[in-house]
Amino acid sequence: LARLPLADLCLDTLPYSGGAAAADALWAGVPLLSQAGRSYAARLGGSLLHAVGLPQLVTHSADAYEDKAVRLAGRPAELARLRRRLARLRERAPLFDTPRLVRDLEQLYRQVARGALRSGATAAATVTAAADAALPLVSILIPTGDGDDPALLARTVRSALDQHHGRCEIIVSDSGTGDARRRPLARLLRAHPQLRYNRAPGLGAEDNLDHCLTLSLGDYIAVAPPGEVLQADKISRMLHYYQNYPTVGLVACWRQPRDVQDQPLPGAPLLPADTAVGGASLAG
């Protein structure tokens, strides 16, 4: 174990992914590259990477795995950035946050003891839950801090909760001081288990967004700055393009600016209709 930090990159194996050995490498600050397979044994390394906040190191084909390994081997500066990120996240990433795991497990035990998980749910609710579970999970990230108005933050959170897409998690990471931003969310936090509020005092804006990403479990990521109001069909419309157009790597949307009275300000979308934009045309 003492020699692990001397490695530049750990290459995970397939079809049997690393377990304790992969976790040891990540704990030692060594980036892990993994190829996700179709079984538990082949996906464990990818799960560890998601839990530690490095989902970009999970590949899904042998070619992608080889290409990324060669690219990283030739880019020591990128490997150094990954190592620094691991060092920052090690104490607070879900993978190594044992106290948080204990708290979450105890909370589930309390819910069971209070009868919150009832076997007598209606058949309709069961069917709905099963359908929702089959949808891709979308993480809506809301980084906030001392400069944000608590009321506007709460409005953004409510619009995230109102999404038509049936499987979203909303993660609020608060880098500020005090409890002013959490108080307006208290009732929503009790009513919506998919909403999570986390304190991250002192983090800069970029690190706070990284903290949100570390806490997220979604297959897709959306960022909602405090004060924005998300249209109820925003996530479902954007997800449509990811799922039906595999060559699309990023979906963006237009924002309607508003004044202090919440009235729309003059403005128009960059493009009049939904449009696929290539790199060269976007640069132009």
C-alpha atoms as a PDB file:
ATOM      1  CA  LEU A   1       0.000   0.000   0.000  1.00  0.00           C
ATOM      2  CA  ALA A   2       2.825   2.395   0.784  1.00  0.00           C
ATOM      3  CA  ARG A   3       4.072   2.081  -2.799  1.00  0.00           C
ATOM      4  CA  LEU A   4       0.709   2.839  -4.422  1.00  0.00           C
ATOM      5  CA  PRO A   5       1.254   6.628  -4.585  1.00  0.00           C
ATOM      6  CA  LEU A   6       4.284   5.986  -6.804  1.00  0.00           C
ATOM      7  CA  ALA A   7       1.986   4.822  -9.619  1.00  0.00           C
ATOM      8  CA  ASP A   8       0.773   7.298 -12.243  1.00  0.00           C
ATOM      9  CA  LEU A   9      -2.445   5.507 -13.221  1.00  0.00           C
ATOM     10  CA  CYS A  10      -4.259   2.366 -12.113  1.00  0.00           C
ATOM     11  CA  LEU A  11      -5.773   0.270 -14.937  1.00  0.00           C
ATOM     12  CA  ASP A  12      -8.887  -1.608 -13.840  1.00  0.00           C
ATOM     13  CA  THR A  13      -9.600  -5.090 -15.226  1.00  0.00           C
ATOM     14  CA  LEU A  14     -12.528  -6.654 -17.101  1.00  0.00           C
ATOM     15  CA  PRO A  15     -14.653  -8.761 -16.670  1.00  0.00           C
ATOM     16  CA  TYR A  16     -13.679  -8.767 -12.987  1.00  0.00           C
ATOM     17  CA  SER A  17     -13.298  -5.200 -11.807  1.00  0.00           C
ATOM     18  CA  GLY A  18     -11.176  -4.231  -8.829  1.00  0.00           C
ATOM     19  CA  GLY A  19     -12.797  -4.004  -5.408  1.00  0.00           C
ATOM     20  CA  ALA A  20     -10.641  -3.302  -2.378  1.00  0.00           C
ATOM     21  CA  ALA A  21      -7.545  -2.889  -4.566  1.00  0.00           C
ATOM     22  CA  ALA A  22      -9.260  -0.209  -6.673  1.00  0.00           C
ATOM     23  CA  ALA A  23     -10.526   1.571  -3.548  1.00  0.00           C
ATOM     24  CA  ASP A  24      -7.009   1.459  -2.088  1.00  0.00           C
ATOM     25  CA  ALA A  25      -5.614   3.085  -5.235  1.00  0.00           C
ATOM     26  CA  LEU A  26      -8.173   5.893  -5.071  1.00  0.00           C
ATOM     27  CA  TRP A  27      -7.521   6.410  -1.365  1.00  0.00           C
ATOM     28  CA  ALA A  28      -3.808   6.671  -2.162  1.00  0.00           C
ATOM     29  CA  GLY A  29      -4.593   9.397  -4.707  1.00  0.00           C
ATOM     30  CA  VAL A  30      -3.953   7.329  -7.832  1.00  0.00           C
ATOM     31  CA  PRO A  31      -6.496   7.832 -10.661  1.00  0.00           C
ATOM     32  CA  LEU A  32      -8.279   4.644 -11.738  1.00  0.00           C
ATOM     33  CA  LEU A  33      -9.363   3.973 -15.330  1.00  0.00           C
ATOM     34  CA  SER A  34     -12.187   1.450 -15.656  1.00  0.00           C
ATOM     35  CA  GLN A  35     -14.311  -0.124 -18.386  1.00  0.00           C
ATOM     36  CA  ALA A  36     -17.868  -0.786 -17.239  1.00  0.00           C
ATOM     37  CA  GLY A  37     -19.278  -4.171 -18.214  1.00  0.00           C
ATOM     38  CA  ARG A  38     -22.764  -5.634 -17.861  1.00  0.00           C
ATOM     39  CA  SER A  39     -22.480  -7.398 -14.501  1.00  0.00           C
ATOM     40  CA  TYR A  40     -21.890  -6.399 -10.906  1.00  0.00           C
ATOM     41  CA  ALA A  41     -18.357  -7.796 -11.020  1.00  0.00           C
ATOM     42  CA  ALA A  42     -17.596  -5.779 -14.137  1.00  0.00           C
ATOM     43  CA  ARG A  43     -19.058  -2.504 -12.863  1.00  0.00           C
ATOM     44  CA  LEU A  44     -17.609  -2.187  -9.376  1.00  0.00           C
ATOM     45  CA  GLY A  45     -14.673  -0.024 -10.467  1.00  0.00           C
ATOM     46  CA  GLY A  46     -17.067   2.332 -12.251  1.00  0.00           C
ATOM     47  CA  SER A  47     -19.243   2.559  -9.151  1.00  0.00           C
ATOM     48  CA  LEU A  48     -16.198   3.493  -7.071  1.00  0.00           C
ATOM     49  CA  LEU A  49     -15.268   6.215  -9.557  1.00  0.00           C
ATOM     50  CA  HIS A  50     -18.778   7.685  -9.495  1.00  0.00           C
ATOM     51  CA  ALA A  51     -18.759   7.642  -5.698  1.00  0.00           C
ATOM     52  CA  VAL A  52     -15.389   9.386  -5.520  1.00  0.00           C
ATOM     53  CA  GLY A  53     -16.345  12.069  -8.057  1.00  0.00           C
ATOM     54  CA  LEU A  54     -14.401  10.944 -11.152  1.00  0.00           C
ATOM     55  CA  PRO A  55     -17.095   9.577 -13.511  1.00  0.00           C
ATOM     56  CA  GLN A  56     -15.053  10.765 -16.513  1.00  0.00           C
ATOM     57  CA  LEU A  57     -12.689   7.829 -15.895  1.00  0.00           C
ATOM     58  CA  VAL A  58     -15.417   5.256 -16.622  1.00  0.00           C
ATOM     59  CA  THR A  59     -15.362   4.004 -20.224  1.00  0.00           C
ATOM     60  CA  HIS A  60     -17.852   1.741 -21.995  1.00  0.00           C
ATOM     61  CA  SER A  61     -15.855   0.001 -24.717  1.00  0.00           C
ATOM     62  CA  ALA A  62     -12.434  -1.547 -25.180  1.00  0.00           C
ATOM     63  CA  ASP A  63     -11.490   1.093 -27.759  1.00  0.00           C
ATOM     64  CA  ALA A  64     -12.492   3.966 -25.468  1.00  0.00           C
ATOM     65  CA  TYR A  65     -10.595   2.352 -22.594  1.00  0.00           C
ATOM     66  CA  GLU A  66      -7.433   1.965 -24.681  1.00  0.00           C
ATOM     67  CA  ASP A  67      -7.665   5.466 -26.159  1.00  0.00           C
ATOM     68  CA  LYS A  68      -8.104   7.103 -22.763  1.00  0.00           C
ATOM     69  CA  ALA A  69      -5.286   5.067 -21.205  1.00  0.00           C
ATOM     70  CA  VAL A  70      -2.878   6.098 -23.974  1.00  0.00           C
ATOM     71  CA  ARG A  71      -4.012   9.727 -23.802  1.00  0.00           C
ATOM     72  CA  LEU A  72      -3.588   9.934 -20.028  1.00  0.00           C
ATOM     73  CA  ALA A  73      -0.194   8.225 -20.190  1.00  0.00           C
ATOM     74  CA  GLY A  74       1.004  10.974 -22.503  1.00  0.00           C
ATOM     75  CA  ARG A  75      -0.454  13.840 -20.481  1.00  0.00           C
ATOM     76  CA  PRO A  76       1.206  14.057 -17.072  1.00  0.00           C
ATOM     77  CA  ALA A  77      -0.381  17.457 -16.410  1.00  0.00           C
ATOM     78  CA  GLU A  78      -3.875  15.956 -16.746  1.00  0.00           C
ATOM     79  CA  LEU A  79      -2.923  13.088 -14.436  1.00  0.00           C
ATOM     80  CA  ALA A  80      -1.629  15.639 -11.942  1.00  0.00           C
ATOM     81  CA  ARG A  81      -4.970  17.483 -12.046  1.00  0.00           C
ATOM     82  CA  LEU A  82      -6.811  14.219 -11.391  1.00  0.00           C
ATOM     83  CA  ARG A  83      -4.534  13.487  -8.436  1.00  0.00           C
ATOM     84  CA  ARG A  84      -5.164  16.953  -6.980  1.00  0.00           C
ATOM     85  CA  ARG A  85      -8.905  16.452  -7.382  1.00  0.00           C
ATOM     86  CA  LEU A  86      -8.697  13.104  -5.586  1.00  0.00           C
ATOM     87  CA  ALA A  87      -6.750  14.731  -2.768  1.00  0.00           C
ATOM     88  CA  ARG A  88      -9.417  17.444  -2.391  1.00  0.00           C
ATOM     89  CA  LEU A  89     -12.296  14.990  -2.459  1.00  0.00           C
ATOM     90  CA  ARG A  90     -10.876  12.188  -0.357  1.00  0.00           C
ATOM     91  CA  GLU A  91     -12.244  13.405   2.961  1.00  0.00           C
ATOM     92  CA  ARG A  92     -15.715  14.288   1.691  1.00  0.00           C
ATOM     93  CA  ALA A  93     -16.482  11.995  -1.256  1.00  0.00           C
ATOM     94  CA  PRO A  94     -19.307   9.511  -0.559  1.00  0.00           C
ATOM     95  CA  LEU A  95     -16.920   6.611  -1.204  1.00  0.00           C
ATOM     96  CA  PHE A  96     -14.861   7.424   1.886  1.00  0.00           C
ATOM     97  CA  ASP A  97     -17.389   9.342   3.999  1.00  0.00           C
ATOM     98  CA  THR A  98     -18.147   6.624   6.540  1.00  0.00           C
ATOM     99  CA  PRO A  99     -19.944   8.934   9.032  1.00  0.00           C
ATOM    100  CA  ARG A 100     -22.338  10.002   6.280  1.00  0.00           C
ATOM    101  CA  LEU A 101     -22.948   6.361   5.322  1.00  0.00           C
ATOM    102  CA  VAL A 102     -23.765   5.580   8.944  1.00  0.00           C
ATOM    103  CA  ARG A 103     -26.157   8.551   9.177  1.00  0.00           C
ATOM    104  CA  ASP A 104     -27.956   7.573   5.972  1.00  0.00           C
ATOM    105  CA  LEU A 105     -28.253   3.942   7.074  1.00  0.00           C
ATOM    106  CA  GLU A 106     -29.566   4.944  10.491  1.00  0.00           C
ATOM    107  CA  GLN A 107     -32.105   7.232   8.829  1.00  0.00           C
ATOM    108  CA  LEU A 108     -33.377   4.308   6.737  1.00  0.00           C
ATOM    109  CA  TYR A 109     -33.638   2.159   9.856  1.00  0.00           C
ATOM    110  CA  ARG A 110     -35.691   4.910  11.523  1.00  0.00           C
ATOM    111  CA  GLN A 111     -37.991   5.122   8.506  1.00  0.00           C
ATOM    112  CA  VAL A 112     -38.597   1.386   8.648  1.00  0.00           C
ATOM    113  CA  ALA A 113     -39.200   1.509  12.399  1.00  0.00           C
ATOM    114  CA  ARG A 114     -41.754   4.305  11.979  1.00  0.00           C
ATOM    115  CA  GLY A 115     -43.505   2.407   9.216  1.00  0.00           C
ATOM    116  CA  ALA A 116     -42.518   4.901   6.514  1.00  0.00           C
ATOM    117  CA  LEU A 117     -41.828   2.032   4.115  1.00  0.00           C
ATOM    118  CA  ARG A 118     -45.224   0.386   3.941  1.00  0.00           C
ATOM    119  CA  SER A 119     -45.915  -2.810   2.064  1.00  0.00           C
ATOM    120  CA  GLY A 120     -49.524  -1.796   1.561  1.00  0.00           C
ATOM    121  CA  ALA A 121     -48.822   0.710  -1.177  1.00  0.00           C
ATOM    122  CA  THR A 122     -51.348   0.741  -3.970  1.00  0.00           C
ATOM    123  CA  ALA A 123     -50.709  -1.153  -7.191  1.00  0.00           C
ATOM    124  CA  ALA A 124     -50.767   2.119  -9.117  1.00  0.00           C
ATOM    125  CA  ALA A 125     -48.029   3.569  -6.938  1.00  0.00           C
ATOM    126  CA  THR A 126     -45.965   0.415  -7.401  1.00  0.00           C
ATOM    127  CA  VAL A 127     -46.281   0.580 -11.181  1.00  0.00           C
ATOM    128  CA  THR A 128     -45.363   4.280 -11.172  1.00  0.00           C
ATOM    129  CA  ALA A 129     -42.327   3.664  -8.998  1.00  0.00           C
ATOM    130  CA  ALA A 130     -41.169   0.825 -11.255  1.00  0.00           C
ATOM    131  CA  ALA A 131     -41.579   3.005 -14.337  1.00  0.00           C
ATOM    132  CA  ASP A 132     -39.659   5.861 -12.719  1.00  0.00           C
ATOM    133  CA  ALA A 133     -36.855   3.504 -11.688  1.00  0.00           C
ATOM    134  CA  ALA A 134     -36.373   2.531 -15.338  1.00  0.00           C
ATOM    135  CA  LEU A 135     -35.726   6.156 -16.338  1.00  0.00           C
ATOM    136  CA  PRO A 136     -32.183   7.554 -16.366  1.00  0.00           C
ATOM    137  CA  LEU A 137     -31.359   9.474 -13.208  1.00  0.00           C
ATOM    138  CA  VAL A 138     -30.722  13.183 -13.785  1.00  0.00           C
ATOM    139  CA  SER A 139     -28.798  15.155 -11.153  1.00  0.00           C
ATOM    140  CA  ILE A 140     -29.800  18.825 -10.915  1.00  0.00           C
ATOM    141  CA  LEU A 141     -26.935  20.647  -9.206  1.00  0.00           C
ATOM    142  CA  ILE A 142     -27.555  23.933  -7.374  1.00  0.00           C
ATOM    143  CA  PRO A 143     -24.353  25.425  -5.924  1.00  0.00           C
ATOM    144  CA  THR A 144     -25.088  28.360  -3.616  1.00  0.00           C
ATOM    145  CA  GLY A 145     -23.345  30.683  -1.171  1.00  0.00           C
ATOM    146  CA  ASP A 146     -23.538  33.888   0.830  1.00  0.00           C
ATOM    147  CA  GLY A 147     -24.244  36.051  -2.200  1.00  0.00           C
ATOM    148  CA  ASP A 148     -27.495  34.272  -3.091  1.00  0.00           C
ATOM    149  CA  ASP A 149     -30.965  35.347  -2.000  1.00  0.00           C
ATOM    150  CA  PRO A 150     -32.589  32.525   0.056  1.00  0.00           C
ATOM    151  CA  ALA A 151     -36.006  33.176  -1.491  1.00  0.00           C
ATOM    152  CA  LEU A 152     -34.635  32.956  -5.026  1.00  0.00           C
ATOM    153  CA  LEU A 153     -32.761  29.772  -4.122  1.00  0.00           C
ATOM    154  CA  ALA A 154     -36.005  28.238  -2.830  1.00  0.00           C
ATOM    155  CA  ARG A 155     -37.767  29.203  -6.063  1.00  0.00           C
ATOM    156  CA  THR A 156     -35.095  27.456  -8.108  1.00  0.00           C
ATOM    157  CA  VAL A 157     -35.379  24.340  -5.940  1.00  0.00           C
ATOM    158  CA  ARG A 158     -39.168  24.264  -6.322  1.00  0.00           C
ATOM    159  CA  SER A 159     -38.881  24.510 -10.100  1.00  0.00           C
ATOM    160  CA  ALA A 160     -36.407  21.607 -10.044  1.00  0.00           C
ATOM    161  CA  LEU A 161     -38.841  19.536  -7.988  1.00  0.00           C
ATOM    162  CA  ASP A 162     -41.609  20.288 -10.510  1.00  0.00           C
ATOM    163  CA  GLN A 163     -39.812  18.648 -13.450  1.00  0.00           C
ATOM    164  CA  HIS A 164     -41.924  16.341 -15.624  1.00  0.00           C
ATOM    165  CA  HIS A 165     -39.048  13.862 -15.866  1.00  0.00           C
ATOM    166  CA  GLY A 166     -39.876  11.231 -13.283  1.00  0.00           C
ATOM    167  CA  ARG A 167     -36.398  10.534 -11.917  1.00  0.00           C
ATOM    168  CA  CYS A 168     -34.388  13.531 -10.759  1.00  0.00           C
ATOM    169  CA  GLU A 169     -32.228  14.182  -7.734  1.00  0.00           C
ATOM    170  CA  ILE A 170     -31.642  17.778  -6.627  1.00  0.00           C
ATOM    171  CA  ILE A 171     -28.391  18.553  -4.836  1.00  0.00           C
ATOM    172  CA  VAL A 172     -27.875  21.890  -3.093  1.00  0.00           C
ATOM    173  CA  SER A 173     -24.312  22.593  -1.940  1.00  0.00           C
ATOM    174  CA  ASP A 174     -24.049  25.654   0.323  1.00  0.00           C
ATOM    175  CA  SER A 175     -20.564  27.155   0.621  1.00  0.00           C
ATOM    176  CA  GLY A 176     -21.746  30.095   2.701  1.00  0.00           C
ATOM    177  CA  THR A 177     -22.070  30.814   6.398  1.00  0.00           C
ATOM    178  CA  GLY A 178     -25.141  30.594   8.578  1.00  0.00           C
ATOM    179  CA  ASP A 179     -28.451  28.853   8.018  1.00  0.00           C
ATOM    180  CA  ALA A 180     -30.315  31.496   6.028  1.00  0.00           C
ATOM    181  CA  ARG A 181     -30.469  29.488   2.811  1.00  0.00           C
ATOM    182  CA  ARG A 182     -31.429  26.210   4.441  1.00  0.00           C
ATOM    183  CA  ARG A 183     -34.385  27.523   6.460  1.00  0.00           C
ATOM    184  CA  PRO A 184     -36.674  28.214   3.456  1.00  0.00           C
ATOM    185  CA  LEU A 185     -35.909  24.692   2.220  1.00  0.00           C
ATOM    186  CA  ALA A 186     -36.729  22.870   5.471  1.00  0.00           C
ATOM    187  CA  ARG A 187     -40.273  21.876   4.507  1.00  0.00           C
ATOM    188  CA  LEU A 188     -39.198  20.824   1.019  1.00  0.00           C
ATOM    189  CA  LEU A 189     -36.373  18.705   2.455  1.00  0.00           C
ATOM    190  CA  ARG A 190     -38.822  16.853   4.692  1.00  0.00           C
ATOM    191  CA  ALA A 191     -41.309  16.264   1.876  1.00  0.00           C
ATOM    192  CA  HIS A 192     -38.967  15.308  -0.973  1.00  0.00           C
ATOM    193  CA  PRO A 193     -36.323  12.606  -0.397  1.00  0.00           C
ATOM    194  CA  GLN A 194     -34.812  13.339  -3.813  1.00  0.00           C
ATOM    195  CA  LEU A 195     -33.758  16.785  -2.511  1.00  0.00           C
ATOM    196  CA  ARG A 196     -30.450  16.916  -0.627  1.00  0.00           C
ATOM    197  CA  TYR A 197     -28.865  19.900   1.103  1.00  0.00           C
ATOM    198  CA  ASN A 198     -25.154  19.822   1.921  1.00  0.00           C
ATOM    199  CA  ARG A 199     -22.932  22.311   3.734  1.00  0.00           C
ATOM    200  CA  ALA A 200     -19.540  23.042   2.169  1.00  0.00           C
ATOM    201  CA  PRO A 201     -18.372  26.205   3.976  1.00  0.00           C
ATOM    202  CA  GLY A 202     -15.520  28.152   2.489  1.00  0.00           C
ATOM    203  CA  LEU A 203     -15.437  26.525  -0.952  1.00  0.00           C
ATOM    204  CA  GLY A 204     -14.922  28.755  -3.959  1.00  0.00           C
ATOM    205  CA  ALA A 205     -17.458  28.711  -6.784  1.00  0.00           C
ATOM    206  CA  GLU A 206     -15.586  26.143  -8.892  1.00  0.00           C
ATOM    207  CA  ASP A 207     -14.864  23.830  -5.972  1.00  0.00           C
ATOM    208  CA  ASN A 208     -18.468  24.111  -4.790  1.00  0.00           C
ATOM    209  CA  LEU A 209     -19.682  22.962  -8.199  1.00  0.00           C
ATOM    210  CA  ASP A 210     -17.148  20.119  -8.000  1.00  0.00           C
ATOM    211  CA  HIS A 211     -18.613  19.252  -4.600  1.00  0.00           C
ATOM    212  CA  CYS A 212     -22.098  19.033  -6.138  1.00  0.00           C
ATOM    213  CA  LEU A 213     -20.733  16.751  -8.836  1.00  0.00           C
ATOM    214  CA  THR A 214     -19.054  14.557  -6.241  1.00  0.00           C
ATOM    215  CA  LEU A 215     -22.347  14.080  -4.418  1.00  0.00           C
ATOM    216  CA  SER A 216     -24.337  13.347  -7.571  1.00  0.00           C
ATOM    217  CA  LEU A 217     -25.329   9.874  -8.690  1.00  0.00           C
ATOM    218  CA  GLY A 218     -27.021  10.743 -11.969  1.00  0.00           C
ATOM    219  CA  ASP A 219     -26.437   9.458 -15.466  1.00  0.00           C
ATOM    220  CA  TYR A 220     -26.915  13.048 -16.681  1.00  0.00           C
ATOM    221  CA  ILE A 221     -26.051  16.386 -15.075  1.00  0.00           C
ATOM    222  CA  ALA A 222     -27.863  19.736 -15.195  1.00  0.00           C
ATOM    223  CA  VAL A 223     -26.717  22.874 -13.367  1.00  0.00           C
ATOM    224  CA  ALA A 224     -29.236  25.432 -12.087  1.00  0.00           C
ATOM    225  CA  PRO A 225     -27.777  28.616 -10.553  1.00  0.00           C
ATOM    226  CA  PRO A 226     -29.887  30.069  -7.700  1.00  0.00           C
ATOM    227  CA  GLY A 227     -32.530  32.436  -9.038  1.00  0.00           C
ATOM    228  CA  GLU A 228     -33.200  30.505 -12.222  1.00  0.00           C
ATOM    229  CA  VAL A 229     -36.656  29.034 -12.772  1.00  0.00           C
ATOM    230  CA  LEU A 230     -36.610  25.795 -14.741  1.00  0.00           C
ATOM    231  CA  GLN A 231     -39.474  25.139 -17.125  1.00  0.00           C
ATOM    232  CA  ALA A 232     -41.237  21.949 -16.076  1.00  0.00           C
ATOM    233  CA  ASP A 233     -40.328  20.160 -19.318  1.00  0.00           C
ATOM    234  CA  LYS A 234     -36.693  21.350 -19.383  1.00  0.00           C
ATOM    235  CA  ILE A 235     -35.064  18.074 -18.320  1.00  0.00           C
ATOM    236  CA  SER A 236     -37.342  15.823 -20.381  1.00  0.00           C
ATOM    237  CA  ARG A 237     -36.806  17.906 -23.537  1.00  0.00           C
ATOM    238  CA  MET A 238     -33.040  18.017 -23.138  1.00  0.00           C
ATOM    239  CA  LEU A 239     -32.853  14.324 -22.286  1.00  0.00           C
ATOM    240  CA  HIS A 240     -34.730  13.509 -25.488  1.00  0.00           C
ATOM    241  CA  TYR A 241     -31.740  14.644 -27.555  1.00  0.00           C
ATOM    242  CA  TYR A 242     -29.199  12.687 -25.528  1.00  0.00           C
ATOM    243  CA  GLN A 243     -31.228   9.501 -25.855  1.00  0.00           C
ATOM    244  CA  ASN A 244     -32.213   9.806 -29.505  1.00  0.00           C
ATOM    245  CA  TYR A 245     -29.076  11.401 -30.962  1.00  0.00           C
ATOM    246  CA  PRO A 246     -26.033   9.465 -29.666  1.00  0.00           C
ATOM    247  CA  THR A 247     -23.544  11.793 -31.375  1.00  0.00           C
ATOM    248  CA  VAL A 248     -24.761  14.774 -29.327  1.00  0.00           C
ATOM    249  CA  GLY A 249     -22.441  15.377 -26.386  1.00  0.00           C
ATOM    250  CA  LEU A 250     -23.894  18.561 -24.888  1.00  0.00           C
ATOM    251  CA  VAL A 251     -27.427  19.958 -24.814  1.00  0.00           C
ATOM    252  CA  ALA A 252     -27.886  23.618 -23.878  1.00  0.00           C
ATOM    253  CA  CYS A 253     -30.964  25.806 -23.614  1.00  0.00           C
ATOM    254  CA  TRP A 254     -31.830  29.490 -23.794  1.00  0.00           C
ATOM    255  CA  ARG A 255     -32.424  31.479 -20.617  1.00  0.00           C
ATOM    256  CA  GLN A 256     -35.160  34.120 -20.447  1.00  0.00           C
ATOM    257  CA  PRO A 257     -33.797  37.125 -18.508  1.00  0.00           C
ATOM    258  CA  ARG A 258     -36.199  38.872 -16.109  1.00  0.00           C
ATOM    259  CA  ASP A 259     -36.200  42.166 -14.213  1.00  0.00           C
ATOM    260  CA  VAL A 260     -36.546  42.692 -10.451  1.00  0.00           C
ATOM    261  CA  GLN A 261     -40.365  42.536 -10.813  1.00  0.00           C
ATOM    262  CA  ASP A 262     -39.953  39.118 -12.474  1.00  0.00           C
ATOM    263  CA  GLN A 263     -41.079  40.479 -15.842  1.00  0.00           C
ATOM    264  CA  PRO A 264     -39.412  39.169 -19.026  1.00  0.00           C
ATOM    265  CA  LEU A 265     -36.672  41.392 -20.414  1.00  0.00           C
ATOM    266  CA  PRO A 266     -36.154  41.840 -24.162  1.00  0.00           C
ATOM    267  CA  GLY A 267     -34.189  39.037 -25.691  1.00  0.00           C
ATOM    268  CA  ALA A 268     -34.382  36.164 -28.090  1.00  0.00           C
ATOM    269  CA  PRO A 269     -32.854  32.704 -28.393  1.00  0.00           C
ATOM    270  CA  LEU A 270     -29.607  32.460 -30.331  1.00  0.00           C
ATOM    271  CA  LEU A 271     -31.327  30.020 -32.700  1.00  0.00           C
ATOM    272  CA  PRO A 272     -35.040  30.103 -33.642  1.00  0.00           C
ATOM    273  CA  ALA A 273     -35.553  26.335 -33.291  1.00  0.00           C
ATOM    274  CA  ASP A 274     -33.910  23.292 -31.750  1.00  0.00           C
ATOM    275  CA  THR A 275     -30.668  22.945 -33.712  1.00  0.00           C
ATOM    276  CA  ALA A 276     -27.679  20.599 -33.729  1.00  0.00           C
ATOM    277  CA  VAL A 277     -24.508  22.693 -33.783  1.00  0.00           C
ATOM    278  CA  GLY A 278     -21.095  21.312 -34.753  1.00  0.00           C
ATOM    279  CA  GLY A 279     -17.817  22.505 -33.299  1.00  0.00           C
ATOM    280  CA  ALA A 280     -16.732  24.503 -36.351  1.00  0.00           C
ATOM    281  CA  SER A 281     -20.067  26.282 -36.802  1.00  0.00           C
ATOM    282  CA  LEU A 282     -20.304  27.036 -33.089  1.00  0.00           C
ATOM    283  CA  ALA A 283     -16.850  28.628 -33.139  1.00  0.00           C
ATOM    284  CA  GLY A 284     -17.900  30.778 -36.065  1.00  0.00           C
END
